[in-house]
Amino acid sequence: MEKVLVGWNEFVDLPDWGIRRLGAKVDTGARSSALHVEDLEVLPRGRIRFRVVVHREHRDRHVVVVARITRRARVRSSNGQFDNRFFVKTTLKLGPIEKEIEVSLVDRGSMIHRMLLGRTALEGDFVVDVSRRHVQDPSGRGRKRSRKRPTKLAKKAPRKT
């Protein structure tokens, strides 16, 4: 099976939870994936309830999820600090690929992207082009980041009249 091309920034769906077009940063430097959640509440029988805020500017757009805890682990964040996080499994849909992934539940409120897709979610199915974003956007607006440098304009000789 051929691998699917993705950019460094994509929209993903989490269909098990009814979440569509969640902004995700594709990060090959991170091993695990992380999802921004609020109001974590551990429930009996190994379950957890949390709220997924789908969009930064529209805090009223959220989904309350109850999921089974798959594990609890110590994770080193990008700033080098360790956190104890809960992990749950869900289905990820990115372009034509639908697969079960494991995500850690964390407060990413200060981050631009609601989700971080790490290597374990990407392995086997995706190839990342870091110069592009939204490659798998169904609207067809996959964009290439421009790296053009300003060109020097040649001075024109004054016109003789």
Protein backbone atom coordinates (compact mmCIF):
# COMPACT_ATOMS: atom_id res chain seq x y z
CA MET A 1 0.00 0.00 0.00
CA GLU A 2 1.28 3.42 -0.94
CA LYS A 3 1.81 5.95 1.85
CA VAL A 4 -0.31 9.11 2.01
CA LEU A 5 1.39 12.50 1.76
CA VAL A 6 0.62 14.95 4.58
CA GLY A 7 1.91 18.39 5.45
CA TRP A 8 3.21 19.67 8.78
CA ASN A 9 -0.27 20.96 9.60
CA GLU A 10 -3.48 19.05 8.77
CA PHE A 11 -7.16 18.83 9.67
CA VAL A 12 -8.11 15.48 11.19
CA ASP A 13 -11.36 13.81 12.22
CA LEU A 14 -11.92 11.76 15.37
CA PRO A 15 -15.11 10.00 14.22
CA ASP A 16 -15.62 7.92 17.40
CA TRP A 17 -16.19 11.18 19.24
CA GLY A 18 -17.99 13.12 16.48
CA ILE A 19 -15.10 15.56 16.01
CA ARG A 20 -14.44 16.92 12.52
CA ARG A 21 -11.73 19.22 11.14
CA LEU A 22 -9.61 19.43 14.26
CA GLY A 23 -6.38 21.33 13.65
CA ALA A 24 -3.38 19.05 14.18
CA LYS A 25 0.35 19.66 14.00
CA VAL A 26 2.26 16.75 12.51
CA ASP A 27 5.38 16.31 14.64
CA THR A 28 7.85 13.58 13.71
CA GLY A 29 9.97 14.63 16.69
CA ALA A 30 7.28 13.50 19.13
CA ARG A 31 6.78 9.80 19.78
CA SER A 32 3.21 9.99 21.08
CA SER A 33 0.21 12.05 20.05
CA ALA A 34 -1.44 14.57 22.36
CA LEU A 35 -4.93 16.06 22.47
CA HIS A 36 -5.97 19.26 24.20
CA VAL A 37 -8.64 18.50 26.79
CA GLU A 38 -10.23 20.26 29.74
CA ASP A 39 -12.15 19.15 32.83
CA LEU A 40 -10.54 15.71 33.23
CA GLU A 41 -12.48 13.47 35.60
CA VAL A 42 -11.42 9.92 36.41
CA LEU A 43 -14.45 7.63 36.58
CA PRO A 44 -14.87 4.14 38.05
CA ARG A 45 -13.94 0.99 36.06
CA GLY A 46 -10.92 2.52 34.32
CA ARG A 47 -12.73 5.27 32.44
CA ILE A 48 -12.16 9.00 32.11
CA ARG A 49 -14.42 11.92 31.15
CA PHE A 50 -13.04 15.03 29.47
CA ARG A 51 -14.04 17.94 27.28
CA VAL A 52 -12.43 18.49 23.86
CA VAL A 53 -12.50 22.14 22.80
CA VAL A 54 -12.49 21.87 19.03
CA HIS A 55 -11.50 25.47 18.19
CA ARG A 56 -9.45 28.03 20.14
CA GLU A 57 -11.66 31.01 19.35
CA HIS A 58 -14.97 29.17 19.75
CA ARG A 59 -14.78 27.74 23.26
CA ASP A 60 -18.50 26.95 23.16
CA ARG A 61 -17.76 24.32 20.48
CA HIS A 62 -16.75 21.35 22.57
CA VAL A 63 -17.45 17.64 22.87
CA VAL A 64 -17.72 15.74 26.14
CA VAL A 65 -16.12 12.29 25.84
CA VAL A 66 -16.06 9.26 28.12
CA ALA A 67 -13.31 6.80 27.17
CA ARG A 68 -11.47 3.81 28.60
CA ILE A 69 -8.01 4.63 29.99
CA THR A 70 -5.46 2.50 28.13
CA ARG A 71 -2.51 3.51 30.30
CA ARG A 72 -0.97 6.22 32.43
CA ALA A 73 2.59 7.24 31.64
CA ARG A 74 5.24 9.83 32.33
CA VAL A 75 5.76 11.98 29.22
CA ARG A 76 8.44 14.58 28.54
CA SER A 77 6.86 17.67 26.97
CA SER A 78 8.54 19.93 24.43
CA ASN A 79 9.80 22.20 27.22
CA GLY A 80 11.65 19.26 28.81
CA GLN A 81 9.38 18.83 31.83
CA PHE A 82 7.80 15.49 32.74
CA ASP A 83 4.05 15.07 33.23
CA ASN A 84 1.96 12.07 34.22
CA ARG A 85 -0.69 11.71 31.51
CA PHE A 86 -3.67 9.52 30.80
CA PHE A 87 -3.79 7.78 27.42
CA VAL A 88 -6.92 6.71 25.53
CA LYS A 89 -7.51 5.14 22.13
CA THR A 90 -9.68 6.52 19.36
CA THR A 91 -10.03 6.39 15.60
CA LEU A 92 -8.10 8.97 13.56
CA LYS A 93 -9.20 9.86 10.04
CA LEU A 94 -6.64 11.75 7.98
CA GLY A 95 -7.27 11.85 4.26
CA PRO A 96 -8.21 8.35 3.09
CA ILE A 97 -6.62 6.65 6.13
CA GLU A 98 -8.67 5.62 9.15
CA LYS A 99 -6.79 3.94 12.00
CA GLU A 100 -6.88 3.49 15.73
CA ILE A 101 -4.33 5.59 17.60
CA GLU A 102 -3.44 6.26 21.19
CA VAL A 103 -3.43 9.86 22.43
CA SER A 104 -2.37 11.45 25.68
CA LEU A 105 -4.79 13.88 27.29
CA VAL A 106 -3.14 17.18 28.16
CA ASP A 107 -3.76 20.92 28.45
CA ARG A 108 -2.52 22.43 25.16
CA GLY A 109 -4.41 25.68 25.79
CA SER A 110 -1.35 27.82 25.14
CA MET A 111 -0.62 25.98 21.87
CA ILE A 112 -1.97 26.92 18.45
CA HIS A 113 -2.97 23.39 17.47
CA ARG A 114 -5.50 21.37 19.46
CA MET A 115 -3.73 18.13 18.59
CA LEU A 116 -0.19 16.91 18.03
CA LEU A 117 0.28 13.83 15.82
CA GLY A 118 3.40 11.92 16.79
CA ARG A 119 5.43 9.19 15.07
CA THR A 120 3.44 6.23 16.39
CA ALA A 121 0.23 7.61 14.82
CA LEU A 122 2.01 8.31 11.53
CA GLU A 123 4.13 5.17 11.15
CA GLY A 124 3.39 2.88 8.26
CA ASP A 125 0.76 5.07 6.60
CA PHE A 126 2.06 8.60 6.05
CA VAL A 127 4.94 10.56 4.54
CA VAL A 128 5.41 14.14 5.76
CA ASP A 129 6.33 17.07 3.50
CA VAL A 130 7.35 19.76 5.98
CA SER A 131 7.15 22.49 3.33
CA ARG A 132 3.39 21.99 2.91
CA ARG A 133 0.26 22.24 5.00
CA HIS A 134 -3.32 21.00 4.62
CA VAL A 135 -2.34 18.56 1.86
CA GLN A 136 -5.25 16.29 2.81
CA ASP A 137 -7.80 19.11 3.10
CA PRO A 138 -10.84 17.99 1.06
CA SER A 139 -11.44 21.59 -0.01
CA GLY A 140 -8.27 21.26 -2.10
CA ARG A 141 -6.54 24.17 -0.44
CA GLY A 142 -3.29 22.34 0.28
CA ARG A 143 -0.70 25.08 0.39
CA LYS A 144 3.04 25.14 -0.08
CA ARG A 145 4.92 27.44 2.22
CA SER A 146 6.70 30.07 0.17
CA ARG A 147 10.42 30.48 0.70
CA LYS A 148 10.94 33.09 -1.99
CA ARG A 149 13.47 35.71 -1.22
CA PRO A 150 12.91 39.28 -2.31
CA THR A 151 14.62 39.99 -5.59
CA LYS A 152 16.61 43.11 -6.19
CA LEU A 153 15.04 45.26 -8.81
CA ALA A 154 17.44 46.47 -11.42
CA LYS A 155 17.51 50.22 -11.73
CA LYS A 156 16.11 51.40 -14.99
CA ALA A 157 18.02 53.93 -16.94
CA PRO A 158 16.27 57.30 -17.03
CA ARG A 159 14.13 57.79 -20.11
CA LYS A 160 15.25 60.32 -22.66
CA THR A 161 12.54 62.63 -23.75
